Amino acid sequence: MSESPLARLDSIAVNGVCLTVTAVEDGVWSTDVMAETLSRSSLGSVAAGAPVNLERAVTPHTRLGGHMMQGHVDGVGSVVGRVPGEHWEVVRIAMPAALARYVVEKGSVAVDGVSLTVSAVSDAGADDPWFEVSLIPTTLRDTTLGGRAPGDIVNLEVDLIAKYVERLLGGRA
């Protein structure tokens, strides 16, 4: 089953940033990006022609696979290390301290819009918090994460459920 082409007012996530399609002409679509988006994400540093991760919005008729992500970037992090394995690669990402409470081992996190399971986290209260994700060959090949190097900036969206649980508990999570 092939997807219909993008249309004006559709939502599309670009490196994990949910944007609205403002125009489509000859198969090329465009969006508007406001200062708020540029200040909270890495989109302003994406060069023309650079590869990006794209994901269309879920519809009521779509299977919900993976994690619940919104395309609302919570902050930016940076790749600090990569360790190749036989059939995967472990990538360590530094994150803002304010996001660390939402990132837990076996929880979900989106990195540049790619929904992943956290495989390790730094100790609670670490001065320089980080988390690790293990990337399978498909993720390394089919997303921009395969080419990310130490020092590269990435968009982060933390676990939606963790944010709402904290809110429900009045910040006591």
C-alpha atoms as a PDB file:
ATOM      1  CA  MET A   1       0.000   0.000   0.000  1.00  0.00           C
ATOM      2  CA  SER A   2       1.660   3.230  -1.124  1.00  0.00           C
ATOM      3  CA  GLU A   3       1.204   6.495   0.685  1.00  0.00           C
ATOM      4  CA  SER A   4      -0.545   9.417  -0.916  1.00  0.00           C
ATOM      5  CA  PRO A   5       1.655  12.377  -1.840  1.00  0.00           C
ATOM      6  CA  LEU A   6       2.061  15.157   0.670  1.00  0.00           C
ATOM      7  CA  ALA A   7      -0.553  17.872   0.528  1.00  0.00           C
ATOM      8  CA  ARG A   8      -0.779  21.397   1.882  1.00  0.00           C
ATOM      9  CA  LEU A   9      -1.475  21.392   5.665  1.00  0.00           C
ATOM     10  CA  ASP A  10      -0.126  17.843   6.177  1.00  0.00           C
ATOM     11  CA  SER A  11       2.250  17.366   9.097  1.00  0.00           C
ATOM     12  CA  ILE A  12       5.737  16.014   8.518  1.00  0.00           C
ATOM     13  CA  ALA A  13       8.607  15.600  10.962  1.00  0.00           C
ATOM     14  CA  VAL A  14      12.013  16.747   9.709  1.00  0.00           C
ATOM     15  CA  ASN A  15      14.802  15.436  11.965  1.00  0.00           C
ATOM     16  CA  GLY A  16      12.125  15.035  14.616  1.00  0.00           C
ATOM     17  CA  VAL A  17      10.666  18.544  14.278  1.00  0.00           C
ATOM     18  CA  CYS A  18       6.971  18.501  13.414  1.00  0.00           C
ATOM     19  CA  LEU A  19       6.280  20.995  10.616  1.00  0.00           C
ATOM     20  CA  THR A  20       3.233  21.896   8.514  1.00  0.00           C
ATOM     21  CA  VAL A  21       3.441  21.614   4.740  1.00  0.00           C
ATOM     22  CA  THR A  22       2.626  25.093   3.430  1.00  0.00           C
ATOM     23  CA  ALA A  23       2.900  24.431  -0.302  1.00  0.00           C
ATOM     24  CA  VAL A  24       3.409  21.612  -2.780  1.00  0.00           C
ATOM     25  CA  GLU A  25       4.489  22.304  -6.341  1.00  0.00           C
ATOM     26  CA  ASP A  26       5.699  19.715  -8.861  1.00  0.00           C
ATOM     27  CA  GLY A  27       6.258  17.174  -6.075  1.00  0.00           C
ATOM     28  CA  VAL A  28       8.385  19.576  -4.007  1.00  0.00           C
ATOM     29  CA  TRP A  29       6.958  20.644  -0.682  1.00  0.00           C
ATOM     30  CA  SER A  30       7.854  23.508   1.614  1.00  0.00           C
ATOM     31  CA  THR A  31       7.228  24.531   5.205  1.00  0.00           C
ATOM     32  CA  ASP A  32       7.586  27.633   7.316  1.00  0.00           C
ATOM     33  CA  VAL A  33       9.915  27.526  10.320  1.00  0.00           C
ATOM     34  CA  MET A  34       9.636  30.107  13.092  1.00  0.00           C
ATOM     35  CA  ALA A  35      12.316  31.484  15.405  1.00  0.00           C
ATOM     36  CA  GLU A  36      11.043  29.328  18.309  1.00  0.00           C
ATOM     37  CA  THR A  37      11.694  26.174  16.268  1.00  0.00           C
ATOM     38  CA  LEU A  38      15.151  27.339  15.216  1.00  0.00           C
ATOM     39  CA  SER A  39      16.127  28.228  18.794  1.00  0.00           C
ATOM     40  CA  ARG A  40      15.005  24.862  20.219  1.00  0.00           C
ATOM     41  CA  SER A  41      16.249  22.514  17.511  1.00  0.00           C
ATOM     42  CA  SER A  42      19.159  21.902  15.180  1.00  0.00           C
ATOM     43  CA  LEU A  43      17.188  22.786  12.033  1.00  0.00           C
ATOM     44  CA  GLY A  44      18.939  26.131  11.637  1.00  0.00           C
ATOM     45  CA  SER A  45      22.262  24.344  11.160  1.00  0.00           C
ATOM     46  CA  VAL A  46      21.064  21.927   8.464  1.00  0.00           C
ATOM     47  CA  ALA A  47      22.764  22.831   5.187  1.00  0.00           C
ATOM     48  CA  ALA A  48      20.905  22.856   1.883  1.00  0.00           C
ATOM     49  CA  GLY A  49      21.060  19.395   0.353  1.00  0.00           C
ATOM     50  CA  ALA A  50      22.033  17.676   3.617  1.00  0.00           C
ATOM     51  CA  PRO A  51      20.201  14.414   4.327  1.00  0.00           C
ATOM     52  CA  VAL A  52      17.436  14.570   6.937  1.00  0.00           C
ATOM     53  CA  ASN A  53      15.095  12.062   8.551  1.00  0.00           C
ATOM     54  CA  LEU A  54      11.475  12.409   7.405  1.00  0.00           C
ATOM     55  CA  GLU A  55       8.400  10.906   8.993  1.00  0.00           C
ATOM     56  CA  ARG A  56       4.784  11.471   8.158  1.00  0.00           C
ATOM     57  CA  ALA A  57       2.154  11.879  10.844  1.00  0.00           C
ATOM     58  CA  VAL A  58       0.287   8.859  12.136  1.00  0.00           C
ATOM     59  CA  THR A  59      -3.327   8.594  11.011  1.00  0.00           C
ATOM     60  CA  PRO A  60      -6.204   6.733  12.689  1.00  0.00           C
ATOM     61  CA  HIS A  61      -5.712   4.033  10.049  1.00  0.00           C
ATOM     62  CA  THR A  62      -1.984   3.574  10.704  1.00  0.00           C
ATOM     63  CA  ARG A  63      -0.451   0.889  12.887  1.00  0.00           C
ATOM     64  CA  LEU A  64       1.204   2.346  15.963  1.00  0.00           C
ATOM     65  CA  GLY A  65       4.613   0.683  16.000  1.00  0.00           C
ATOM     66  CA  GLY A  66       7.478   1.738  18.217  1.00  0.00           C
ATOM     67  CA  HIS A  67       7.161   4.582  20.682  1.00  0.00           C
ATOM     68  CA  MET A  68       4.771   7.509  21.059  1.00  0.00           C
ATOM     69  CA  MET A  69       6.570  10.590  19.751  1.00  0.00           C
ATOM     70  CA  GLN A  70       5.068  13.968  18.861  1.00  0.00           C
ATOM     71  CA  GLY A  71       7.741  15.749  16.857  1.00  0.00           C
ATOM     72  CA  HIS A  72       8.068  18.324  19.629  1.00  0.00           C
ATOM     73  CA  VAL A  73      11.792  18.722  20.256  1.00  0.00           C
ATOM     74  CA  ASP A  74      12.623  19.041  23.950  1.00  0.00           C
ATOM     75  CA  GLY A  75      16.227  20.100  23.421  1.00  0.00           C
ATOM     76  CA  VAL A  76      19.425  19.374  21.586  1.00  0.00           C
ATOM     77  CA  GLY A  77      22.215  17.019  22.510  1.00  0.00           C
ATOM     78  CA  SER A  78      25.500  16.040  20.966  1.00  0.00           C
ATOM     79  CA  VAL A  79      27.049  12.765  19.933  1.00  0.00           C
ATOM     80  CA  VAL A  80      29.987  12.086  22.264  1.00  0.00           C
ATOM     81  CA  GLY A  81      31.005   8.597  21.213  1.00  0.00           C
ATOM     82  CA  ARG A  82      30.393   5.581  18.996  1.00  0.00           C
ATOM     83  CA  VAL A  83      31.392   1.977  19.616  1.00  0.00           C
ATOM     84  CA  PRO A  84      30.853  -0.458  16.742  1.00  0.00           C
ATOM     85  CA  GLY A  85      29.705  -3.990  17.508  1.00  0.00           C
ATOM     86  CA  GLU A  86      29.404  -7.057  15.343  1.00  0.00           C
ATOM     87  CA  HIS A  87      25.753  -6.393  14.394  1.00  0.00           C
ATOM     88  CA  TRP A  88      25.038  -2.984  15.927  1.00  0.00           C
ATOM     89  CA  GLU A  89      26.660   0.235  17.058  1.00  0.00           C
ATOM     90  CA  VAL A  90      26.371   1.892  20.459  1.00  0.00           C
ATOM     91  CA  VAL A  91      26.060   5.673  20.290  1.00  0.00           C
ATOM     92  CA  ARG A  92      26.483   7.870  23.387  1.00  0.00           C
ATOM     93  CA  ILE A  93      24.712  11.224  23.381  1.00  0.00           C
ATOM     94  CA  ALA A  94      25.169  14.091  25.840  1.00  0.00           C
ATOM     95  CA  MET A  95      21.910  15.721  26.874  1.00  0.00           C
ATOM     96  CA  PRO A  96      20.863  18.853  28.750  1.00  0.00           C
ATOM     97  CA  ALA A  97      20.645  18.237  32.510  1.00  0.00           C
ATOM     98  CA  ALA A  98      16.996  19.364  32.491  1.00  0.00           C
ATOM     99  CA  LEU A  99      16.081  16.380  30.277  1.00  0.00           C
ATOM    100  CA  ALA A 100      17.995  13.707  32.215  1.00  0.00           C
ATOM    101  CA  ARG A 101      15.103  12.933  34.585  1.00  0.00           C
ATOM    102  CA  TYR A 102      12.984  11.811  31.602  1.00  0.00           C
ATOM    103  CA  VAL A 103      15.532   9.437  30.091  1.00  0.00           C
ATOM    104  CA  VAL A 104      15.653   5.982  31.651  1.00  0.00           C
ATOM    105  CA  GLU A 105      17.150   2.667  30.640  1.00  0.00           C
ATOM    106  CA  LYS A 106      14.687   0.746  28.438  1.00  0.00           C
ATOM    107  CA  GLY A 107      12.645   3.926  28.000  1.00  0.00           C
ATOM    108  CA  SER A 108      12.114   5.673  24.701  1.00  0.00           C
ATOM    109  CA  VAL A 109      13.834   8.686  23.200  1.00  0.00           C
ATOM    110  CA  ALA A 110      13.801  10.207  19.729  1.00  0.00           C
ATOM    111  CA  VAL A 111      17.122  11.329  18.263  1.00  0.00           C
ATOM    112  CA  ASP A 112      16.688  13.447  15.137  1.00  0.00           C
ATOM    113  CA  GLY A 113      13.196  11.992  14.905  1.00  0.00           C
ATOM    114  CA  VAL A 114      14.308   8.368  15.088  1.00  0.00           C
ATOM    115  CA  SER A 115      12.450   6.600  17.899  1.00  0.00           C
ATOM    116  CA  LEU A 116      14.891   4.466  19.898  1.00  0.00           C
ATOM    117  CA  THR A 117      15.146   2.454  23.098  1.00  0.00           C
ATOM    118  CA  VAL A 118      17.651   3.735  25.671  1.00  0.00           C
ATOM    119  CA  SER A 119      20.255   1.054  26.419  1.00  0.00           C
ATOM    120  CA  ALA A 120      22.200   2.893  29.170  1.00  0.00           C
ATOM    121  CA  VAL A 121      22.160   6.192  31.088  1.00  0.00           C
ATOM    122  CA  SER A 122      24.629   8.146  33.201  1.00  0.00           C
ATOM    123  CA  ASP A 123      24.286   8.079  36.984  1.00  0.00           C
ATOM    124  CA  ALA A 124      21.497  10.223  38.429  1.00  0.00           C
ATOM    125  CA  GLY A 125      22.681  13.754  39.050  1.00  0.00           C
ATOM    126  CA  ALA A 126      25.744  13.444  36.802  1.00  0.00           C
ATOM    127  CA  ASP A 127      27.330  16.784  35.912  1.00  0.00           C
ATOM    128  CA  ASP A 128      27.437  15.823  32.232  1.00  0.00           C
ATOM    129  CA  PRO A 129      24.421  13.542  31.696  1.00  0.00           C
ATOM    130  CA  TRP A 130      24.365  11.154  28.754  1.00  0.00           C
ATOM    131  CA  PHE A 131      22.450   8.198  27.414  1.00  0.00           C
ATOM    132  CA  GLU A 132      23.259   5.436  24.981  1.00  0.00           C
ATOM    133  CA  VAL A 133      21.256   3.823  22.209  1.00  0.00           C
ATOM    134  CA  SER A 134      22.158   0.695  20.274  1.00  0.00           C
ATOM    135  CA  LEU A 135      21.587   1.065  16.544  1.00  0.00           C
ATOM    136  CA  ILE A 136      20.870  -1.932  14.340  1.00  0.00           C
ATOM    137  CA  PRO A 137      22.178  -2.077  10.745  1.00  0.00           C
ATOM    138  CA  THR A 138      18.814  -0.939   9.331  1.00  0.00           C
ATOM    139  CA  THR A 139      18.845   2.214  11.479  1.00  0.00           C
ATOM    140  CA  LEU A 140      22.486   2.886  10.627  1.00  0.00           C
ATOM    141  CA  ARG A 141      21.770   2.518   6.899  1.00  0.00           C
ATOM    142  CA  ASP A 142      18.324   4.107   6.571  1.00  0.00           C
ATOM    143  CA  THR A 143      18.611   7.169   8.859  1.00  0.00           C
ATOM    144  CA  THR A 144      21.067  10.005   9.296  1.00  0.00           C
ATOM    145  CA  LEU A 145      22.226   8.463  12.588  1.00  0.00           C
ATOM    146  CA  GLY A 146      24.597   6.167  10.691  1.00  0.00           C
ATOM    147  CA  GLY A 147      26.630   9.208   9.676  1.00  0.00           C
ATOM    148  CA  ARG A 148      26.543  11.189  12.900  1.00  0.00           C
ATOM    149  CA  ALA A 149      30.013  11.722  14.392  1.00  0.00           C
ATOM    150  CA  PRO A 150      31.209  12.892  17.818  1.00  0.00           C
ATOM    151  CA  GLY A 151      30.462  16.597  18.119  1.00  0.00           C
ATOM    152  CA  ASP A 152      27.398  16.480  15.860  1.00  0.00           C
ATOM    153  CA  ILE A 153      24.297  18.176  17.298  1.00  0.00           C
ATOM    154  CA  VAL A 154      21.056  16.164  17.371  1.00  0.00           C
ATOM    155  CA  ASN A 155      17.439  16.941  18.240  1.00  0.00           C
ATOM    156  CA  LEU A 156      16.058  15.145  21.287  1.00  0.00           C
ATOM    157  CA  GLU A 157      12.489  14.311  22.224  1.00  0.00           C
ATOM    158  CA  VAL A 158      12.146  12.544  25.558  1.00  0.00           C
ATOM    159  CA  ASP A 159       9.578   9.999  26.654  1.00  0.00           C
ATOM    160  CA  LEU A 160       6.107  11.504  26.415  1.00  0.00           C
ATOM    161  CA  ILE A 161       4.755   9.328  29.217  1.00  0.00           C
ATOM    162  CA  ALA A 162       7.557  10.383  31.594  1.00  0.00           C
ATOM    163  CA  LYS A 163       6.755  14.056  31.001  1.00  0.00           C
ATOM    164  CA  TYR A 164       3.054  13.581  31.689  1.00  0.00           C
ATOM    165  CA  VAL A 165       3.581  11.404  34.753  1.00  0.00           C
ATOM    166  CA  GLU A 166       5.777  14.129  36.213  1.00  0.00           C
ATOM    167  CA  ARG A 167       3.106  16.697  35.445  1.00  0.00           C
ATOM    168  CA  LEU A 168       0.385  14.577  37.061  1.00  0.00           C
ATOM    169  CA  LEU A 169       2.522  14.117  40.173  1.00  0.00           C
ATOM    170  CA  GLY A 170       3.111  17.864  40.394  1.00  0.00           C
ATOM    171  CA  GLY A 171       6.807  17.671  39.548  1.00  0.00           C
ATOM    172  CA  ARG A 172       7.541  15.016  42.160  1.00  0.00           C
ATOM    173  CA  ALA A 173       8.515  12.248  39.727  1.00  0.00           C
END
